[in-house]
Amino acid sequence: IDDTVTEDDIVVVRWTAEGTQTGEFQGYAPTGNPATWTGVNVYRIACGRIAEEWSEVDGIGRLQQLGVMATPAPR
């Protein structure tokens, strides 16, 4: 967890994850490649429980690092 921000009934968590693809992932065979990706989760809390959740993850960057999606060449 990189940052946590709270206001009223909202909690925002910004995070970084990393791993190495050693098994099938999203239908792609193992590549053995490492990857680091980021995301943000927003939670609305009601009565001490998570009532709603929204998330944003850099899935394209993760797939590019794993080598299963091409990275566009600079112009």
N, C-alpha and C. Protein backbone atom coordinates (compact mmCIF):
# COMPACT_ATOMS: atom_id res chain seq x y z
N ILE A 1 0.86 -1.17 0.00
CA ILE A 1 0.00 0.00 0.00
C ILE A 1 0.91 1.23 0.00
N ASP A 2 0.71 2.09 -1.01
CA ASP A 2 1.53 3.29 -1.14
C ASP A 2 0.91 4.48 -0.41
N ASP A 3 -0.40 4.64 -0.49
CA ASP A 3 -1.10 5.73 0.17
C ASP A 3 -2.50 5.29 0.55
N THR A 4 -3.00 5.86 1.63
CA THR A 4 -4.40 5.67 2.03
C THR A 4 -4.95 7.04 2.40
N VAL A 5 -6.11 7.39 1.84
CA VAL A 5 -6.76 8.66 2.12
C VAL A 5 -8.20 8.38 2.52
N THR A 6 -8.65 9.01 3.59
CA THR A 6 -10.04 8.84 4.02
C THR A 6 -10.70 10.20 4.18
N GLU A 7 -11.98 10.24 3.82
CA GLU A 7 -12.79 11.43 4.05
C GLU A 7 -14.24 10.98 4.12
N ASP A 8 -14.89 11.34 5.21
CA ASP A 8 -16.27 10.93 5.47
C ASP A 8 -16.38 9.42 5.35
N ASP A 9 -17.19 8.91 4.42
CA ASP A 9 -17.39 7.47 4.29
C ASP A 9 -16.59 6.86 3.14
N ILE A 10 -15.58 7.57 2.64
CA ILE A 10 -14.78 7.11 1.50
C ILE A 10 -13.35 6.82 1.93
N VAL A 11 -12.81 5.69 1.47
CA VAL A 11 -11.41 5.32 1.70
C VAL A 11 -10.79 5.06 0.33
N VAL A 12 -9.65 5.70 0.05
CA VAL A 12 -8.94 5.52 -1.21
C VAL A 12 -7.59 4.89 -0.89
N VAL A 13 -7.27 3.81 -1.61
CA VAL A 13 -6.00 3.11 -1.42
C VAL A 13 -5.27 3.07 -2.76
N ARG A 14 -4.04 3.59 -2.77
CA ARG A 14 -3.18 3.52 -3.96
C ARG A 14 -2.11 2.48 -3.64
N TRP A 15 -1.90 1.53 -4.56
CA TRP A 15 -1.03 0.40 -4.27
C TRP A 15 -0.14 0.03 -5.45
N THR A 16 0.89 -0.74 -5.14
CA THR A 16 1.80 -1.30 -6.14
C THR A 16 1.93 -2.78 -5.85
N ALA A 17 1.91 -3.60 -6.90
CA ALA A 17 2.07 -5.05 -6.76
C ALA A 17 3.16 -5.51 -7.72
N GLU A 18 3.72 -6.66 -7.43
CA GLU A 18 4.71 -7.24 -8.33
C GLU A 18 4.64 -8.75 -8.25
N GLY A 19 5.07 -9.38 -9.31
CA GLY A 19 5.05 -10.83 -9.35
C GLY A 19 5.74 -11.33 -10.61
N THR A 20 5.90 -12.64 -10.66
CA THR A 20 6.50 -13.31 -11.82
C THR A 20 5.48 -14.31 -12.33
N GLN A 21 5.25 -14.31 -13.63
CA GLN A 21 4.25 -15.19 -14.21
C GLN A 21 4.82 -16.61 -14.35
N THR A 22 4.45 -17.46 -13.40
CA THR A 22 4.92 -18.85 -13.42
C THR A 22 3.83 -19.83 -13.80
N GLY A 23 2.61 -19.34 -13.96
CA GLY A 23 1.49 -20.17 -14.37
C GLY A 23 0.64 -19.43 -15.38
N GLU A 24 -0.39 -20.09 -15.88
CA GLU A 24 -1.29 -19.43 -16.84
C GLU A 24 -1.95 -18.23 -16.17
N PHE A 25 -2.04 -17.12 -16.92
CA PHE A 25 -2.65 -15.91 -16.40
C PHE A 25 -3.47 -15.28 -17.51
N GLN A 26 -4.75 -15.11 -17.29
CA GLN A 26 -5.67 -14.53 -18.25
C GLN A 26 -5.58 -15.22 -19.61
N GLY A 27 -5.38 -16.52 -19.59
CA GLY A 27 -5.31 -17.32 -20.82
C GLY A 27 -3.94 -17.36 -21.47
N TYR A 28 -2.95 -16.69 -20.89
CA TYR A 28 -1.60 -16.68 -21.46
C TYR A 28 -0.74 -17.72 -20.74
N ALA A 29 0.04 -18.47 -21.52
CA ALA A 29 0.95 -19.45 -20.96
C ALA A 29 2.02 -18.75 -20.13
N PRO A 30 2.62 -19.46 -19.17
CA PRO A 30 3.66 -18.85 -18.33
C PRO A 30 4.81 -18.30 -19.17
N THR A 31 5.27 -17.08 -18.82
CA THR A 31 6.40 -16.47 -19.53
C THR A 31 7.65 -16.45 -18.67
N GLY A 32 7.49 -16.54 -17.35
CA GLY A 32 8.63 -16.43 -16.45
C GLY A 32 9.07 -14.98 -16.25
N ASN A 33 8.35 -14.04 -16.88
CA ASN A 33 8.72 -12.63 -16.79
C ASN A 33 8.17 -11.99 -15.52
N PRO A 34 8.95 -11.09 -14.90
CA PRO A 34 8.45 -10.33 -13.76
C PRO A 34 7.67 -9.12 -14.24
N ALA A 35 6.82 -8.61 -13.37
CA ALA A 35 6.05 -7.39 -13.69
C ALA A 35 5.75 -6.65 -12.40
N THR A 36 5.69 -5.33 -12.50
CA THR A 36 5.27 -4.46 -11.41
C THR A 36 4.17 -3.57 -11.95
N TRP A 37 3.03 -3.48 -11.24
CA TRP A 37 1.91 -2.67 -11.71
C TRP A 37 1.27 -1.95 -10.54
N THR A 38 0.48 -0.95 -10.87
CA THR A 38 -0.14 -0.11 -9.85
C THR A 38 -1.66 -0.12 -9.99
N GLY A 39 -2.32 0.34 -8.96
CA GLY A 39 -3.77 0.45 -8.99
C GLY A 39 -4.28 1.36 -7.90
N VAL A 40 -5.55 1.69 -8.01
CA VAL A 40 -6.24 2.52 -7.02
C VAL A 40 -7.58 1.87 -6.73
N ASN A 41 -7.90 1.73 -5.46
CA ASN A 41 -9.21 1.23 -5.05
C ASN A 41 -9.89 2.31 -4.23
N VAL A 42 -11.19 2.50 -4.48
CA VAL A 42 -12.00 3.45 -3.73
C VAL A 42 -13.13 2.66 -3.07
N TYR A 43 -13.28 2.83 -1.78
CA TYR A 43 -14.30 2.11 -1.03
C TYR A 43 -15.25 3.10 -0.37
N ARG A 44 -16.54 2.77 -0.38
CA ARG A 44 -17.52 3.51 0.42
C ARG A 44 -17.91 2.61 1.58
N ILE A 45 -17.79 3.14 2.78
CA ILE A 45 -18.04 2.37 3.98
C ILE A 45 -19.40 2.76 4.55
N ALA A 46 -20.19 1.76 4.92
CA ALA A 46 -21.49 1.98 5.57
C ALA A 46 -21.64 0.96 6.69
N CYS A 47 -21.96 1.42 7.87
CA CYS A 47 -22.16 0.54 9.03
C CYS A 47 -20.93 -0.33 9.31
N GLY A 48 -19.73 0.24 9.08
CA GLY A 48 -18.50 -0.48 9.37
C GLY A 48 -18.11 -1.52 8.34
N ARG A 49 -18.81 -1.56 7.20
CA ARG A 49 -18.51 -2.55 6.15
C ARG A 49 -18.35 -1.86 4.81
N ILE A 50 -17.67 -2.53 3.89
CA ILE A 50 -17.54 -2.00 2.53
C ILE A 50 -18.89 -2.15 1.84
N ALA A 51 -19.48 -1.01 1.46
CA ALA A 51 -20.78 -1.02 0.78
C ALA A 51 -20.62 -0.99 -0.74
N GLU A 52 -19.58 -0.30 -1.21
CA GLU A 52 -19.29 -0.21 -2.65
C GLU A 52 -17.78 -0.15 -2.83
N GLU A 53 -17.33 -0.58 -4.03
CA GLU A 53 -15.91 -0.54 -4.33
C GLU A 53 -15.71 -0.29 -5.80
N TRP A 54 -14.75 0.57 -6.12
CA TRP A 54 -14.36 0.85 -7.50
C TRP A 54 -12.86 0.65 -7.57
N SER A 55 -12.36 0.19 -8.72
CA SER A 55 -10.92 -0.01 -8.83
C SER A 55 -10.42 0.31 -10.23
N GLU A 56 -9.17 0.66 -10.30
CA GLU A 56 -8.48 0.96 -11.55
C GLU A 56 -7.10 0.31 -11.44
N VAL A 57 -6.78 -0.57 -12.41
CA VAL A 57 -5.52 -1.30 -12.40
C VAL A 57 -4.83 -1.12 -13.75
N ASP A 58 -3.51 -0.99 -13.74
CA ASP A 58 -2.74 -0.88 -14.98
C ASP A 58 -2.54 -2.27 -15.59
N GLY A 59 -3.62 -2.84 -16.09
CA GLY A 59 -3.58 -4.18 -16.68
C GLY A 59 -2.79 -4.24 -17.98
N ILE A 60 -2.84 -3.18 -18.78
CA ILE A 60 -2.10 -3.17 -20.04
C ILE A 60 -0.61 -3.14 -19.76
N GLY A 61 -0.18 -2.29 -18.83
CA GLY A 61 1.24 -2.25 -18.47
C GLY A 61 1.73 -3.59 -17.95
N ARG A 62 0.89 -4.27 -17.17
CA ARG A 62 1.26 -5.59 -16.65
C ARG A 62 1.44 -6.58 -17.79
N LEU A 63 0.49 -6.62 -18.74
CA LEU A 63 0.61 -7.54 -19.88
C LEU A 63 1.81 -7.23 -20.76
N GLN A 64 2.14 -5.93 -20.91
CA GLN A 64 3.32 -5.56 -21.69
C GLN A 64 4.59 -6.05 -21.00
N GLN A 65 4.66 -5.91 -19.69
CA GLN A 65 5.83 -6.38 -18.96
C GLN A 65 5.96 -7.89 -19.00
N LEU A 66 4.84 -8.59 -19.01
CA LEU A 66 4.88 -10.05 -19.10
C LEU A 66 5.28 -10.52 -20.50
N GLY A 67 5.21 -9.60 -21.48
CA GLY A 67 5.62 -9.94 -22.83
C GLY A 67 4.53 -10.55 -23.68
N VAL A 68 3.28 -10.43 -23.25
CA VAL A 68 2.17 -11.01 -24.02
C VAL A 68 1.39 -9.95 -24.79
N MET A 69 1.76 -8.66 -24.62
CA MET A 69 1.14 -7.57 -25.37
C MET A 69 2.27 -6.65 -25.80
N ALA A 70 2.26 -6.26 -27.07
CA ALA A 70 3.32 -5.42 -27.60
C ALA A 70 3.29 -4.04 -26.96
N THR A 71 4.47 -3.48 -26.77
CA THR A 71 4.61 -2.11 -26.30
C THR A 71 4.80 -1.22 -27.52
N PRO A 72 3.97 -0.19 -27.69
CA PRO A 72 4.10 0.67 -28.88
C PRO A 72 5.49 1.31 -28.94
N ALA A 73 6.03 1.37 -30.14
CA ALA A 73 7.33 2.03 -30.35
C ALA A 73 7.15 3.54 -30.29
N PRO A 74 8.15 4.26 -29.75
CA PRO A 74 8.05 5.73 -29.74
C PRO A 74 7.99 6.28 -31.14
N ARG A 75 7.32 7.41 -31.32
CA ARG A 75 7.22 8.03 -32.64
C ARG A 75 8.49 8.70 -33.02
